[in-house]
């Protein structure tokens, strides 16, 4: 039997504010800011590797927020955190894709 580790609903033990604000918001912004700072200096394969690592981290954050969403006094905050994290993950995928396409598109073809 194959288990779907990503859809595991086992509750986590970390407070929601730590998972959402520290791991999700702060660390994600620091990682993405570092990618943007190095954008012009990186080769396309290096950029692709960094963006892939960022997306893997984003998937981990989404799963972690999902599992720890209700480690809070008011369950409404858990639903809000889940919704915002899913939207953030979709945004991260699209922005990463467009950044990679923009990096590839900056190469001039000899015509």
C-alpha atoms as a PDB file:
ATOM      1  CA  UNK A   1       0.000   0.000   0.000  1.00  0.00           C
ATOM      2  CA  UNK A   2       1.392   3.398  -0.982  1.00  0.00           C
ATOM      3  CA  UNK A   3       1.075   6.140   1.606  1.00  0.00           C
ATOM      4  CA  UNK A   4       0.634   9.751   0.633  1.00  0.00           C
ATOM      5  CA  UNK A   5       2.960  11.517   3.050  1.00  0.00           C
ATOM      6  CA  UNK A   6       1.886  14.935   1.826  1.00  0.00           C
ATOM      7  CA  UNK A   7      -1.796  14.339   2.635  1.00  0.00           C
ATOM      8  CA  UNK A   8      -1.050  12.986   6.105  1.00  0.00           C
ATOM      9  CA  UNK A   9      -3.489  14.682   8.498  1.00  0.00           C
ATOM     10  CA  UNK A  10      -1.571  13.770  11.666  1.00  0.00           C
ATOM     11  CA  UNK A  11      -1.566  16.930  13.793  1.00  0.00           C
ATOM     12  CA  UNK A  12       1.795  18.534  14.421  1.00  0.00           C
ATOM     13  CA  UNK A  13       3.082  19.824  17.743  1.00  0.00           C
ATOM     14  CA  UNK A  14       4.439  23.224  16.724  1.00  0.00           C
ATOM     15  CA  UNK A  15       2.539  26.428  17.448  1.00  0.00           C
ATOM     16  CA  UNK A  16       0.869  27.859  14.362  1.00  0.00           C
ATOM     17  CA  UNK A  17       2.441  31.305  14.716  1.00  0.00           C
ATOM     18  CA  UNK A  18       5.949  29.773  14.673  1.00  0.00           C
ATOM     19  CA  UNK A  19       5.247  27.663  11.599  1.00  0.00           C
ATOM     20  CA  UNK A  20       3.398  30.407   9.721  1.00  0.00           C
ATOM     21  CA  UNK A  21       5.338  33.563  10.591  1.00  0.00           C
ATOM     22  CA  UNK A  22       8.865  32.263  11.219  1.00  0.00           C
ATOM     23  CA  UNK A  23       9.203  29.255   8.897  1.00  0.00           C
ATOM     24  CA  UNK A  24       6.654  30.375   6.325  1.00  0.00           C
ATOM     25  CA  UNK A  25       6.911  34.133   6.019  1.00  0.00           C
ATOM     26  CA  UNK A  26      10.336  35.104   7.351  1.00  0.00           C
ATOM     27  CA  UNK A  27      12.469  32.239   6.043  1.00  0.00           C
ATOM     28  CA  UNK A  28      10.643  32.091   2.703  1.00  0.00           C
ATOM     29  CA  UNK A  29      11.198  35.809   2.139  1.00  0.00           C
ATOM     30  CA  UNK A  30      14.866  35.537   3.088  1.00  0.00           C
ATOM     31  CA  UNK A  31      15.390  32.621   0.695  1.00  0.00           C
ATOM     32  CA  UNK A  32      13.564  34.340  -2.147  1.00  0.00           C
ATOM     33  CA  UNK A  33      15.388  37.614  -1.484  1.00  0.00           C
ATOM     34  CA  UNK A  34      18.723  35.792  -1.713  1.00  0.00           C
ATOM     35  CA  UNK A  35      17.663  34.294  -5.050  1.00  0.00           C
ATOM     36  CA  UNK A  36      16.697  37.735  -6.350  1.00  0.00           C
ATOM     37  CA  UNK A  37      19.987  39.276  -5.205  1.00  0.00           C
ATOM     38  CA  UNK A  38      21.973  36.612  -7.048  1.00  0.00           C
ATOM     39  CA  UNK A  39      19.639  36.497 -10.078  1.00  0.00           C
ATOM     40  CA  UNK A  40      21.939  38.234 -12.571  1.00  0.00           C
ATOM     41  CA  UNK A  41      25.123  36.544 -11.362  1.00  0.00           C
ATOM     42  CA  UNK A  42      23.786  32.977 -11.623  1.00  0.00           C
ATOM     43  CA  UNK A  43      23.797  30.698 -14.607  1.00  0.00           C
ATOM     44  CA  UNK A  44      20.429  29.373 -15.713  1.00  0.00           C
ATOM     45  CA  UNK A  45      21.044  25.832 -14.350  1.00  0.00           C
ATOM     46  CA  UNK A  46      22.107  27.296 -10.989  1.00  0.00           C
ATOM     47  CA  UNK A  47      19.018  29.496 -10.901  1.00  0.00           C
ATOM     48  CA  UNK A  48      16.846  26.507 -11.766  1.00  0.00           C
ATOM     49  CA  UNK A  49      18.421  24.528  -8.908  1.00  0.00           C
ATOM     50  CA  UNK A  50      17.881  27.350  -6.410  1.00  0.00           C
ATOM     51  CA  UNK A  51      14.283  27.859  -7.537  1.00  0.00           C
ATOM     52  CA  UNK A  52      13.641  24.126  -7.283  1.00  0.00           C
ATOM     53  CA  UNK A  53      15.048  24.122  -3.739  1.00  0.00           C
ATOM     54  CA  UNK A  54      12.818  27.100  -2.920  1.00  0.00           C
ATOM     55  CA  UNK A  55       9.774  25.240  -4.260  1.00  0.00           C
ATOM     56  CA  UNK A  56      10.639  22.132  -2.255  1.00  0.00           C
ATOM     57  CA  UNK A  57      10.885  24.327   0.850  1.00  0.00           C
ATOM     58  CA  UNK A  58       7.530  25.897  -0.055  1.00  0.00           C
ATOM     59  CA  UNK A  59       5.948  22.429  -0.326  1.00  0.00           C
ATOM     60  CA  UNK A  60       7.374  21.546   3.087  1.00  0.00           C
ATOM     61  CA  UNK A  61       5.965  24.774   4.545  1.00  0.00           C
ATOM     62  CA  UNK A  62       2.553  24.076   3.045  1.00  0.00           C
ATOM     63  CA  UNK A  63       2.487  20.610   4.584  1.00  0.00           C
ATOM     64  CA  UNK A  64       3.778  21.880   7.932  1.00  0.00           C
ATOM     65  CA  UNK A  65       1.204  24.669   8.134  1.00  0.00           C
ATOM     66  CA  UNK A  66      -1.522  22.220   7.127  1.00  0.00           C
ATOM     67  CA  UNK A  67      -0.585  19.824   9.936  1.00  0.00           C
ATOM     68  CA  UNK A  68      -0.140  22.519  12.588  1.00  0.00           C
ATOM     69  CA  UNK A  69      -3.024  24.781  11.548  1.00  0.00           C
ATOM     70  CA  UNK A  70      -5.149  24.112  14.584  1.00  0.00           C
ATOM     71  CA  UNK A  71      -2.429  24.506  17.214  1.00  0.00           C
ATOM     72  CA  UNK A  72      -4.009  27.847  18.009  1.00  0.00           C
ATOM     73  CA  UNK A  73      -6.780  29.111  20.293  1.00  0.00           C
ATOM     74  CA  UNK A  74      -9.192  30.163  17.542  1.00  0.00           C
ATOM     75  CA  UNK A  75      -9.691  27.622  14.717  1.00  0.00           C
ATOM     76  CA  UNK A  76     -10.517  30.451  12.297  1.00  0.00           C
ATOM     77  CA  UNK A  77      -6.809  31.325  12.280  1.00  0.00           C
ATOM     78  CA  UNK A  78      -6.013  27.755  11.275  1.00  0.00           C
ATOM     79  CA  UNK A  79      -8.323  27.974   8.270  1.00  0.00           C
ATOM     80  CA  UNK A  80      -6.885  31.359   7.346  1.00  0.00           C
ATOM     81  CA  UNK A  81      -3.318  30.054   7.610  1.00  0.00           C
ATOM     82  CA  UNK A  82      -4.129  27.063   5.413  1.00  0.00           C
ATOM     83  CA  UNK A  83      -5.773  29.240   2.770  1.00  0.00           C
ATOM     84  CA  UNK A  84      -3.002  31.823   2.730  1.00  0.00           C
ATOM     85  CA  UNK A  85      -0.318  29.154   2.537  1.00  0.00           C
ATOM     86  CA  UNK A  86      -1.951  27.435  -0.442  1.00  0.00           C
ATOM     87  CA  UNK A  87      -2.197  30.783  -2.240  1.00  0.00           C
ATOM     88  CA  UNK A  88       1.433  31.557  -1.336  1.00  0.00           C
ATOM     89  CA  UNK A  89       2.527  28.179  -2.747  1.00  0.00           C
ATOM     90  CA  UNK A  90       0.694  28.812  -6.028  1.00  0.00           C
ATOM     91  CA  UNK A  91       2.267  32.264  -6.218  1.00  0.00           C
ATOM     92  CA  UNK A  92       5.727  30.838  -5.488  1.00  0.00           C
ATOM     93  CA  UNK A  93       5.385  28.311  -8.314  1.00  0.00           C
ATOM     94  CA  UNK A  94       4.252  30.931 -10.830  1.00  0.00           C
ATOM     95  CA  UNK A  95       6.843  33.545  -9.854  1.00  0.00           C
ATOM     96  CA  UNK A  96       9.622  30.945  -9.926  1.00  0.00           C
ATOM     97  CA  UNK A  97       8.537  29.809 -13.375  1.00  0.00           C
ATOM     98  CA  UNK A  98       8.414  33.377 -14.705  1.00  0.00           C
ATOM     99  CA  UNK A  99      11.807  34.198 -13.191  1.00  0.00           C
ATOM    100  CA  UNK A 100      13.325  31.153 -14.848  1.00  0.00           C
ATOM    101  CA  UNK A 101      11.721  32.012 -18.181  1.00  0.00           C
ATOM    102  CA  UNK A 102      12.952  35.586 -17.870  1.00  0.00           C
ATOM    103  CA  UNK A 103      16.464  34.362 -17.154  1.00  0.00           C
ATOM    104  CA  UNK A 104      16.411  32.116 -20.204  1.00  0.00           C
ATOM    105  CA  UNK A 105      14.942  34.909 -22.335  1.00  0.00           C
ATOM    106  CA  UNK A 106      17.746  37.335 -21.559  1.00  0.00           C
ATOM    107  CA  UNK A 107      20.147  35.386 -23.763  1.00  0.00           C
ATOM    108  CA  UNK A 108      20.548  36.971 -27.188  1.00  0.00           C
ATOM    109  CA  UNK A 109      20.403  34.760 -30.218  1.00  0.00           C
ATOM    110  CA  UNK A 110      22.958  35.484 -32.982  1.00  0.00           C
ATOM    111  CA  UNK A 111      20.695  36.534 -35.856  1.00  0.00           C
END
